[in-house]
């Protein structure tokens, strides 16, 4: 188990915070061009291709300044319809997104890359001119990036930053006391003034909703949709009603929420026998089940599940085997076919961060499935192998690993195989922004004027006692 580390300024070493393949990659010109577009250029281009959207409306959306959701990452799929209409569809949002270690440097002379940009343009803005005593990065996963943020944080502040592992609520070296997060060092409890949080597994059972310690992102972002797929779906639906008058929309698979386990087969049948069932509060590819046949449905129904509620979404597969929805069939565009004629499902992670000028893109990468996407499902083969793109996996000792062989970088060679254009990148960015705004707005609704969680409202929206019992209050 890792111990608390003291991170000093001017000790950032890029070799420790990027995958080797990312560090040695050259950014693709199209991606570099996208990251250097001004907001006005993006708005002009998008509205040219979507003339029903008013430029001033879209500019207002992109200028949104969040109250809680400062760092966001959305996973998107590049899909098309049988009529050939392509879209970037939001699968989920992530309030502790990975991505820095997978993003080739935009500027080879700026060795801190996105780590430095986030600290300079987001954390500095959040802190304003607040005097910081003890600063920390707390994490339970992804040491490579958590430590990168800690080094960039130390450089920003010009002082030591604590890098603190916090794997579960039984850990005895971290506690919440007198409205502050504290950590133990040499037998003494020390108050933390500001913390960047990279806690991904049930973070609400270790950190409270309200705190005098400034926490980025605060826990409410997870409960409001950043780590709660059920609440995210409701947040999207509510914000979409507001966006409708602007002719904008968060695009998602058809989603049924608040589904009891015994109801799952009925919804799968309604979607043509093919669907995706999700445990709303899992992440890193855990708790996601693709259902394409009776055996996969039976396997899911035989599982022991800890939580009470699920969500069921339409399955996006091949043109020959996707869910049937009210809006028709969607299927994966996939990678360009290789020399064997194989095309693979891929997704895109778009990370954005809050700046004084609104949300801006921060990093971008892609992942592909293990097995190629076939015209017909092969009997006896798990559909997840052809549809699942997440790289994370748990080792036998409970640690997390990553299958980087399926990581697709935004570099010269790999990008050409992704089958996407500059306009797809713009659309993906806009979808990430509006889905993140939806979650931030939901967070605002869930917090009282005293900074406490409105538990009655939370229960009415997410009536799952197992989850509600886990939430730590100050």
Protein backbone atom coordinates (compact mmCIF):
# COMPACT_ATOMS: atom_id res chain seq x y z
CA UNK A 1 0.00 0.00 0.00
CA UNK A 2 1.35 3.42 -0.96
CA UNK A 3 2.17 5.94 1.77
CA UNK A 4 1.63 9.68 1.93
CA UNK A 5 4.27 11.52 -0.09
CA UNK A 6 5.64 15.03 0.22
CA UNK A 7 5.71 16.60 -3.25
CA UNK A 8 8.03 19.58 -3.62
CA UNK A 9 7.92 22.34 -6.26
CA UNK A 10 10.11 22.03 -9.35
CA UNK A 11 10.22 18.23 -9.20
CA UNK A 12 7.80 17.48 -12.07
CA UNK A 13 9.19 14.75 -14.35
CA UNK A 14 7.05 14.08 -17.42
CA UNK A 15 8.39 10.51 -17.68
CA UNK A 16 6.41 9.64 -14.53
CA UNK A 17 3.04 11.00 -15.62
CA UNK A 18 2.46 9.79 -19.19
CA UNK A 19 2.29 6.42 -20.80
CA UNK A 20 5.49 5.89 -22.71
CA UNK A 21 3.58 5.61 -26.00
CA UNK A 22 1.90 8.97 -25.27
CA UNK A 23 5.11 10.71 -24.30
CA UNK A 24 6.80 9.67 -27.53
CA UNK A 25 3.81 10.50 -29.76
CA UNK A 26 3.40 13.53 -32.00
CA UNK A 27 0.00 15.19 -31.82
CA UNK A 28 -2.07 14.92 -35.00
CA UNK A 29 -2.39 18.26 -36.85
CA UNK A 30 -6.22 18.08 -36.83
CA UNK A 31 -6.29 17.61 -33.06
CA UNK A 32 -3.75 20.38 -32.53
CA UNK A 33 -5.84 22.66 -34.75
CA UNK A 34 -8.98 21.81 -32.75
CA UNK A 35 -7.33 22.69 -29.43
CA UNK A 36 -6.18 26.01 -30.84
CA UNK A 37 -9.58 27.07 -32.16
CA UNK A 38 -11.13 30.04 -30.40
CA UNK A 39 -14.57 29.72 -28.88
CA UNK A 40 -15.90 32.08 -31.54
CA UNK A 41 -14.52 29.89 -34.32
CA UNK A 42 -16.12 26.80 -32.79
CA UNK A 43 -19.48 28.54 -32.47
CA UNK A 44 -19.32 29.91 -36.03
CA UNK A 45 -18.54 26.49 -37.49
CA UNK A 46 -21.13 24.58 -35.44
CA UNK A 47 -23.91 27.03 -36.22
CA UNK A 48 -22.99 26.99 -39.91
CA UNK A 49 -23.59 23.22 -39.92
CA UNK A 50 -26.60 23.53 -37.58
CA UNK A 51 -28.36 26.68 -38.78
CA UNK A 52 -31.26 26.30 -36.34
CA UNK A 53 -28.83 27.08 -33.47
CA UNK A 54 -28.28 30.76 -32.76
CA UNK A 55 -24.66 31.81 -32.29
CA UNK A 56 -25.36 33.90 -29.20
CA UNK A 57 -27.22 31.01 -27.55
CA UNK A 58 -24.36 28.60 -28.08
CA UNK A 59 -21.82 31.16 -26.95
CA UNK A 60 -23.79 31.67 -23.73
CA UNK A 61 -23.72 27.91 -23.13
CA UNK A 62 -19.96 27.63 -23.70
CA UNK A 63 -19.38 30.62 -21.38
CA UNK A 64 -21.16 28.82 -18.50
CA UNK A 65 -19.26 29.03 -15.21
CA UNK A 66 -19.96 26.00 -12.99
CA UNK A 67 -20.47 26.19 -9.26
CA UNK A 68 -19.22 22.64 -8.57
CA UNK A 69 -18.17 20.77 -11.71
CA UNK A 70 -14.68 22.08 -12.49
CA UNK A 71 -13.14 19.05 -14.19
CA UNK A 72 -15.24 16.75 -16.31
CA UNK A 73 -14.72 13.93 -18.76
CA UNK A 74 -17.42 12.56 -21.04
CA UNK A 75 -17.30 9.26 -22.88
CA UNK A 76 -18.86 9.52 -26.31
CA UNK A 77 -19.63 7.12 -29.13
CA UNK A 78 -19.45 7.99 -32.82
CA UNK A 79 -22.68 6.53 -34.19
CA UNK A 80 -24.79 6.68 -37.31
CA UNK A 81 -28.32 5.79 -38.38
CA UNK A 82 -29.46 3.59 -41.24
CA UNK A 83 -29.99 6.84 -43.16
CA UNK A 84 -26.33 7.79 -42.58
CA UNK A 85 -26.84 10.60 -40.04
CA UNK A 86 -23.75 10.69 -37.83
CA UNK A 87 -23.77 11.85 -34.21
CA UNK A 88 -21.57 11.96 -31.14
CA UNK A 89 -23.58 10.33 -28.34
CA UNK A 90 -22.85 10.76 -24.62
CA UNK A 91 -22.53 7.47 -22.75
CA UNK A 92 -21.54 8.82 -19.36
CA UNK A 93 -19.84 11.65 -17.48
CA UNK A 94 -16.95 11.22 -15.07
CA UNK A 95 -16.18 13.56 -12.19
CA UNK A 96 -12.68 12.09 -11.69
CA UNK A 97 -11.69 11.57 -15.32
CA UNK A 98 -8.41 10.11 -16.47
CA UNK A 99 -6.89 11.42 -19.66
CA UNK A 100 -3.72 13.41 -19.06
CA UNK A 101 -1.43 10.40 -19.33
CA UNK A 102 -2.97 9.47 -22.67
CA UNK A 103 -2.76 12.90 -24.34
CA UNK A 104 0.31 13.71 -26.45
CA UNK A 105 1.76 17.11 -25.62
CA UNK A 106 0.23 19.97 -27.58
CA UNK A 107 3.41 21.92 -27.04
CA UNK A 108 6.57 19.84 -26.65
CA UNK A 109 8.19 22.66 -24.69
CA UNK A 110 5.42 22.67 -22.08
CA UNK A 111 6.31 19.52 -20.20
CA UNK A 112 3.42 19.68 -17.70
CA UNK A 113 0.81 19.63 -20.46
CA UNK A 114 -2.77 19.38 -19.23
CA UNK A 115 -1.69 18.98 -15.60
CA UNK A 116 -0.28 22.50 -15.65
CA UNK A 117 -3.14 23.95 -17.67
CA UNK A 118 -5.69 22.63 -15.18
CA UNK A 119 -3.85 24.00 -12.18
CA UNK A 120 -3.17 27.40 -13.75
CA UNK A 121 -6.57 27.96 -15.36
CA UNK A 122 -8.92 26.12 -13.00
CA UNK A 123 -7.50 25.56 -9.51
CA UNK A 124 -5.93 29.02 -9.43
CA UNK A 125 -9.29 30.49 -10.44
CA UNK A 126 -11.16 28.44 -7.79
CA UNK A 127 -8.76 29.50 -5.04
CA UNK A 128 -8.64 33.11 -6.27
CA UNK A 129 -6.26 34.78 -3.82
CA UNK A 130 -7.08 32.51 -0.89
CA UNK A 131 -4.05 31.83 1.30
CA UNK A 132 -3.36 28.09 1.28
CA UNK A 133 -1.83 26.43 4.32
CA UNK A 134 -1.82 22.68 3.64
CA UNK A 135 -2.65 21.46 0.14
CA UNK A 136 -3.18 17.84 -0.89
CA UNK A 137 -4.09 15.49 -3.70
CA UNK A 138 -6.05 12.48 -2.42
CA UNK A 139 -6.52 9.40 -4.59
CA UNK A 140 -7.63 5.77 -4.69
CA UNK A 141 -6.69 4.96 -8.29
CA UNK A 142 -4.51 6.16 -11.17
CA UNK A 143 -1.34 7.04 -9.27
CA UNK A 144 0.34 8.14 -12.51
CA UNK A 145 -2.07 11.03 -13.00
CA UNK A 146 -2.77 11.78 -9.33
CA UNK A 147 0.94 12.31 -8.75
CA UNK A 148 1.16 14.44 -11.90
CA UNK A 149 -1.53 16.75 -10.53
CA UNK A 150 0.29 16.88 -7.19
CA UNK A 151 3.55 18.00 -8.81
CA UNK A 152 1.77 20.62 -10.95
CA UNK A 153 -0.12 21.78 -7.83
CA UNK A 154 3.14 22.20 -5.91
CA UNK A 155 4.52 24.29 -8.79
CA UNK A 156 1.41 26.46 -8.86
CA UNK A 157 1.52 27.17 -5.13
CA UNK A 158 5.29 27.25 -4.78
CA UNK A 159 5.02 24.99 -1.74
CA UNK A 160 4.89 21.35 -0.67
CA UNK A 161 1.77 19.35 -1.57
CA UNK A 162 0.75 16.13 0.19
CA UNK A 163 -0.07 13.15 -2.05
CA UNK A 164 -2.37 11.00 0.08
CA UNK A 165 -3.77 7.55 -0.75
CA UNK A 166 -7.31 7.00 0.58
CA UNK A 167 -8.61 3.64 -0.60
CA UNK A 168 -11.58 3.05 1.70
CA UNK A 169 -13.36 4.47 4.71
CA UNK A 170 -11.52 2.07 7.04
CA UNK A 171 -8.21 3.82 6.32
CA UNK A 172 -7.11 5.37 9.61
CA UNK A 173 -4.75 8.06 8.32
CA UNK A 174 -7.52 10.33 6.93
CA UNK A 175 -10.56 11.69 8.74
CA UNK A 176 -13.11 14.48 8.69
CA UNK A 177 -13.07 16.61 11.84
CA UNK A 178 -14.56 20.03 12.72
CA UNK A 179 -15.64 20.52 9.08
CA UNK A 180 -12.11 19.93 7.79
CA UNK A 181 -10.43 17.03 6.04
CA UNK A 182 -7.39 15.94 8.07
CA UNK A 183 -4.55 13.47 7.61
CA UNK A 184 -2.27 11.88 10.19
CA UNK A 185 1.48 12.43 10.06
CA UNK A 186 3.85 11.22 12.76
CA UNK A 187 0.90 10.63 15.07
CA UNK A 188 -0.46 14.16 14.65
CA UNK A 189 -3.66 15.16 12.84
CA UNK A 190 -3.09 17.98 10.33
CA UNK A 191 -5.85 20.08 8.77
CA UNK A 192 -6.04 20.27 4.95
CA UNK A 193 -7.07 23.62 3.48
CA UNK A 194 -7.50 22.56 -0.14
CA UNK A 195 -7.57 19.17 -1.82
CA UNK A 196 -7.74 17.99 -5.40
CA UNK A 197 -9.73 14.77 -5.29
CA UNK A 198 -9.09 11.67 -7.36
CA UNK A 199 -11.37 9.31 -5.43
CA UNK A 200 -13.33 7.12 -7.81
CA UNK A 201 -14.85 4.26 -5.79
CA UNK A 202 -17.90 5.34 -3.75
CA UNK A 203 -16.23 8.65 -2.82
CA UNK A 204 -19.39 9.78 -0.98
CA UNK A 205 -18.68 7.24 1.80
CA UNK A 206 -15.36 8.93 2.70
CA UNK A 207 -15.85 12.61 1.98
CA UNK A 208 -18.80 14.74 3.16
CA UNK A 209 -21.11 16.88 1.07
CA UNK A 210 -20.05 20.13 2.74
CA UNK A 211 -16.61 20.99 4.00
CA UNK A 212 -14.43 23.93 5.02
CA UNK A 213 -11.65 22.18 3.15
CA UNK A 214 -11.94 23.30 -0.46
CA UNK A 215 -12.37 20.07 -2.45
CA UNK A 216 -12.20 19.91 -6.25
CA UNK A 217 -14.41 18.34 -7.52
CA UNK A 218 -16.77 18.36 -4.50
CA UNK A 219 -18.68 15.15 -3.77
CA UNK A 220 -22.00 16.60 -4.97
CA UNK A 221 -20.70 16.37 -8.56
CA UNK A 222 -20.54 12.58 -8.17
CA UNK A 223 -24.02 12.23 -6.69
CA UNK A 224 -25.57 14.64 -9.20
CA UNK A 225 -24.38 12.61 -12.18
CA UNK A 226 -20.59 12.60 -12.39
CA UNK A 227 -20.52 9.14 -10.82
CA UNK A 228 -24.21 8.35 -10.78
CA UNK A 229 -25.58 7.33 -14.16
CA UNK A 230 -29.17 7.35 -12.94
CA UNK A 231 -29.00 10.96 -11.73
CA UNK A 232 -27.06 11.95 -14.84
CA UNK A 233 -29.87 10.67 -17.05
CA UNK A 234 -32.40 12.75 -15.11
CA UNK A 235 -30.11 15.79 -15.18
CA UNK A 236 -29.80 15.48 -18.97
CA UNK A 237 -33.54 15.17 -19.37
CA UNK A 238 -34.21 18.27 -17.25
CA UNK A 239 -31.58 20.39 -18.98
CA UNK A 240 -32.70 19.20 -22.42
CA UNK A 241 -36.07 20.82 -21.78
CA UNK A 242 -34.21 24.11 -21.25
CA UNK A 243 -31.98 23.54 -24.28
CA UNK A 244 -34.91 22.75 -26.58
CA UNK A 245 -35.68 26.44 -27.16
CA UNK A 246 -32.05 26.85 -28.26
CA UNK A 247 -32.33 23.85 -30.62
CA UNK A 248 -29.59 22.07 -28.70
CA UNK A 249 -29.81 18.62 -27.10
CA UNK A 250 -27.69 16.24 -25.05
CA UNK A 251 -27.65 13.13 -27.21
CA UNK A 252 -27.75 9.81 -25.35
CA UNK A 253 -28.96 6.26 -25.97
CA UNK A 254 -32.60 5.77 -25.02
CA UNK A 255 -32.51 5.41 -21.24
CA UNK A 256 -34.96 3.88 -18.78
CA UNK A 257 -34.18 4.72 -15.15
CA UNK A 258 -35.34 3.46 -11.73
CA UNK A 259 -35.56 -0.11 -13.00
CA UNK A 260 -35.95 -2.88 -10.44
CA UNK A 261 -34.06 -6.05 -11.24
CA UNK A 262 -37.18 -8.11 -11.92
CA UNK A 263 -38.26 -5.51 -14.51
CA UNK A 264 -35.04 -5.75 -16.55
CA UNK A 265 -36.21 -8.60 -18.87
CA UNK A 266 -39.33 -6.60 -19.82
CA UNK A 267 -37.30 -3.57 -20.91
CA UNK A 268 -34.79 -5.75 -22.75
CA UNK A 269 -37.67 -7.34 -24.64
CA UNK A 270 -39.15 -3.91 -25.44
CA UNK A 271 -35.80 -2.91 -27.02
CA UNK A 272 -35.84 -5.89 -29.33
CA UNK A 273 -33.96 -8.30 -27.09
CA UNK A 274 -30.79 -6.20 -27.04
CA UNK A 275 -29.91 -3.65 -24.37
CA UNK A 276 -27.30 -2.44 -21.91
CA UNK A 277 -27.96 -2.78 -18.17
CA UNK A 278 -25.93 -0.62 -15.79
CA UNK A 279 -25.38 -0.40 -12.06
CA UNK A 280 -25.80 3.38 -11.77
CA UNK A 281 -22.91 4.02 -9.36
CA UNK A 282 -20.10 1.91 -10.84
CA UNK A 283 -17.26 3.12 -13.02
CA UNK A 284 -14.13 1.97 -14.88
CA UNK A 285 -16.20 -0.46 -16.95
CA UNK A 286 -17.52 -2.24 -13.84
CA UNK A 287 -21.24 -2.92 -13.48
CA UNK A 288 -22.05 -2.62 -17.21
CA UNK A 289 -23.74 -5.59 -18.90
CA UNK A 290 -24.40 -5.87 -22.62
CA UNK A 291 -27.40 -8.09 -23.33
CA UNK A 292 -27.69 -9.54 -26.82
CA UNK A 293 -29.16 -12.99 -26.16
CA UNK A 294 -31.04 -15.03 -23.55
CA UNK A 295 -27.84 -16.44 -22.03
CA UNK A 296 -26.42 -12.98 -21.31
CA UNK A 297 -29.74 -11.93 -19.80
CA UNK A 298 -29.84 -15.07 -17.63
CA UNK A 299 -26.25 -14.47 -16.50
CA UNK A 300 -27.15 -10.94 -15.41
CA UNK A 301 -30.30 -12.03 -13.59
CA UNK A 302 -28.29 -14.63 -11.63
CA UNK A 303 -25.86 -12.04 -10.28
CA UNK A 304 -26.00 -10.82 -6.70
CA UNK A 305 -26.30 -7.04 -6.83
CA UNK A 306 -25.72 -4.71 -3.91
CA UNK A 307 -27.88 -1.79 -5.06
CA UNK A 308 -31.63 -1.69 -5.61
CA UNK A 309 -31.98 0.25 -8.85
CA UNK A 310 -30.60 -0.11 -12.40
CA UNK A 311 -30.79 1.76 -15.64
CA UNK A 312 -31.47 0.11 -18.99
CA UNK A 313 -30.20 1.73 -22.18
CA UNK A 314 -30.62 0.93 -25.84
CA UNK A 315 -27.67 -1.04 -27.17
CA UNK A 316 -25.63 0.48 -29.98
CA UNK A 317 -24.08 -2.33 -31.97
CA UNK A 318 -23.88 -3.28 -35.62
CA UNK A 319 -26.50 -2.18 -38.17
CA UNK A 320 -27.77 -5.77 -38.12
CA UNK A 321 -28.06 -6.07 -34.34
CA UNK A 322 -28.77 -2.90 -32.40
CA UNK A 323 -31.65 -2.04 -30.10
CA UNK A 324 -34.89 -0.85 -31.64
CA UNK A 325 -35.83 2.56 -30.21
CA UNK A 326 -38.46 5.20 -30.83
CA UNK A 327 -35.83 7.16 -32.79
CA UNK A 328 -34.81 4.17 -34.88
CA UNK A 329 -31.58 2.16 -34.86
CA UNK A 330 -28.15 3.57 -34.11
CA UNK A 331 -24.97 1.68 -34.77
CA UNK A 332 -21.24 2.23 -34.40
CA UNK A 333 -19.26 3.95 -37.12
CA UNK A 334 -16.20 2.18 -35.72
CA UNK A 335 -12.58 2.38 -36.80
CA UNK A 336 -11.46 2.29 -40.39
CA UNK A 337 -11.24 -1.37 -41.50
CA UNK A 338 -7.78 -2.88 -41.11
CA UNK A 339 -6.07 -5.05 -43.73
CA UNK A 340 -8.11 -8.02 -42.55
CA UNK A 341 -11.31 -6.03 -43.03
CA UNK A 342 -11.96 -5.74 -39.30
CA UNK A 343 -13.51 -2.63 -37.79
CA UNK A 344 -13.62 -2.02 -34.03
CA UNK A 345 -15.99 -0.19 -31.70
CA UNK A 346 -14.31 2.85 -30.18
CA UNK A 347 -15.22 5.61 -27.79
CA UNK A 348 -13.83 9.06 -27.15
CA UNK A 349 -12.98 10.62 -23.80
CA UNK A 350 -13.25 14.40 -23.98
CA UNK A 351 -11.97 16.18 -20.87
CA UNK A 352 -12.92 19.78 -20.21
CA UNK A 353 -12.09 22.18 -17.39
CA UNK A 354 -13.72 25.31 -16.03
CA UNK A 355 -11.84 28.55 -16.70
CA UNK A 356 -12.68 32.22 -16.24
CA UNK A 357 -13.96 32.08 -19.83
CA UNK A 358 -16.13 28.99 -19.42
CA UNK A 359 -15.43 25.33 -20.19
CA UNK A 360 -12.43 24.61 -22.40
CA UNK A 361 -11.13 21.30 -23.80
CA UNK A 362 -8.24 19.84 -21.83
CA UNK A 363 -7.42 16.41 -23.24
CA UNK A 364 -8.70 13.80 -25.63
CA UNK A 365 -8.10 10.12 -26.26
CA UNK A 366 -9.86 7.07 -27.63
CA UNK A 367 -10.18 3.38 -26.79
CA UNK A 368 -11.25 0.41 -28.86
CA UNK A 369 -12.94 -2.87 -28.03
CA UNK A 370 -11.02 -6.12 -27.69
CA UNK A 371 -12.72 -7.96 -30.57
CA UNK A 372 -13.85 -6.64 -33.97
CA UNK A 373 -17.44 -5.64 -34.68
CA UNK A 374 -19.01 -8.34 -36.84
CA UNK A 375 -22.10 -8.19 -39.05
CA UNK A 376 -23.49 -11.15 -37.11
CA UNK A 377 -23.08 -12.05 -33.45
CA UNK A 378 -21.00 -15.16 -32.93
CA UNK A 379 -22.74 -17.78 -30.81
CA UNK A 380 -20.99 -18.42 -27.50
CA UNK A 381 -18.86 -15.25 -27.63
CA UNK A 382 -19.41 -12.49 -25.10
CA UNK A 383 -20.82 -9.36 -26.74
CA UNK A 384 -18.81 -7.24 -24.27
CA UNK A 385 -15.61 -8.23 -26.10
CA UNK A 386 -16.91 -6.44 -29.21
CA UNK A 387 -18.64 -3.55 -27.44
CA UNK A 388 -16.75 -2.77 -24.23
CA UNK A 389 -14.01 -0.17 -24.58
CA UNK A 390 -12.90 0.56 -21.01
CA UNK A 391 -9.23 -0.20 -20.42
CA UNK A 392 -9.33 -0.59 -16.62
CA UNK A 393 -9.30 -4.00 -14.97
CA UNK A 394 -8.83 -5.29 -11.45
CA UNK A 395 -5.87 -7.55 -10.69
CA UNK A 396 -6.06 -10.56 -8.36
CA UNK A 397 -4.79 -8.50 -5.41
CA UNK A 398 -7.44 -5.81 -5.95
CA UNK A 399 -5.21 -3.24 -7.62
CA UNK A 400 -6.16 -1.56 -10.88
CA UNK A 401 -4.43 -2.20 -14.20
CA UNK A 402 -4.91 -0.81 -17.70
CA UNK A 403 -4.89 -2.56 -21.09
CA UNK A 404 -2.98 0.09 -23.03
CA UNK A 405 -2.81 -2.07 -26.17
CA UNK A 406 -6.32 -0.80 -26.95
CA UNK A 407 -5.51 2.85 -26.25
CA UNK A 408 -5.80 4.99 -29.38
CA UNK A 409 -3.87 8.24 -29.16
CA UNK A 410 -4.56 11.52 -30.90
CA UNK A 411 -1.28 11.16 -32.78
CA UNK A 412 -0.33 11.05 -36.43
CA UNK A 413 -0.65 7.34 -37.06
CA UNK A 414 -3.61 6.25 -34.90
CA UNK A 415 -5.85 9.27 -35.54
CA UNK A 416 -6.26 8.45 -39.23
CA UNK A 417 -7.81 5.09 -38.26
CA UNK A 418 -10.51 6.63 -36.07
CA UNK A 419 -12.78 7.78 -38.88
CA UNK A 420 -13.53 11.16 -37.30
CA UNK A 421 -13.20 14.73 -38.49
CA UNK A 422 -12.65 18.17 -37.01
CA UNK A 423 -16.43 18.64 -36.95
CA UNK A 424 -16.81 15.45 -34.88
CA UNK A 425 -14.31 16.84 -32.37
CA UNK A 426 -16.29 20.09 -32.15
CA UNK A 427 -19.55 18.20 -31.67
CA UNK A 428 -17.96 15.97 -29.02
CA UNK A 429 -16.71 19.00 -27.13
CA UNK A 430 -20.14 20.68 -27.21
CA UNK A 431 -21.85 17.48 -26.06
CA UNK A 432 -19.36 17.22 -23.20
CA UNK A 433 -19.99 20.83 -22.16
CA UNK A 434 -23.78 20.64 -22.15
CA UNK A 435 -23.86 17.28 -20.36
CA UNK A 436 -21.50 18.68 -17.70
CA UNK A 437 -23.65 21.80 -17.30
CA UNK A 438 -26.67 19.54 -16.74
CA UNK A 439 -24.88 17.80 -13.88
CA UNK A 440 -23.67 21.07 -12.35
CA UNK A 441 -27.23 22.42 -12.46
CA UNK A 442 -28.51 19.25 -10.80
CA UNK A 443 -25.87 19.69 -8.11
CA UNK A 444 -27.12 23.20 -7.42
CA UNK A 445 -30.65 21.86 -6.96
CA UNK A 446 -29.49 19.20 -4.50
CA UNK A 447 -27.63 21.57 -2.17
CA UNK A 448 -29.43 23.76 0.37
CA UNK A 449 -28.52 27.38 1.13
CA UNK A 450 -26.59 26.01 4.14
CA UNK A 451 -24.51 23.78 1.89
CA UNK A 452 -26.18 20.54 2.98
CA UNK A 453 -27.61 17.76 0.83
CA UNK A 454 -31.39 17.98 0.35
CA UNK A 455 -31.94 14.36 1.30
CA UNK A 456 -35.69 14.35 0.62
CA UNK A 457 -35.13 15.64 -2.90
CA UNK A 458 -32.26 13.19 -3.40
CA UNK A 459 -34.45 10.31 -2.28
CA UNK A 460 -37.31 11.36 -4.52
CA UNK A 461 -34.96 11.44 -7.51
CA UNK A 462 -32.83 8.43 -6.54
CA UNK A 463 -34.85 6.19 -4.24
CA UNK A 464 -32.12 3.69 -3.42
CA UNK A 465 -31.66 3.13 0.30
CA UNK A 466 -28.35 1.35 -0.15
CA UNK A 467 -26.88 4.43 -1.81
CA UNK A 468 -28.48 6.92 0.57
CA UNK A 469 -27.10 5.04 3.57
CA UNK A 470 -23.58 5.35 2.16
CA UNK A 471 -23.61 9.12 1.81
CA UNK A 472 -21.46 10.81 4.45
CA UNK A 473 -22.75 14.05 5.91
CA UNK A 474 -20.67 16.54 7.87
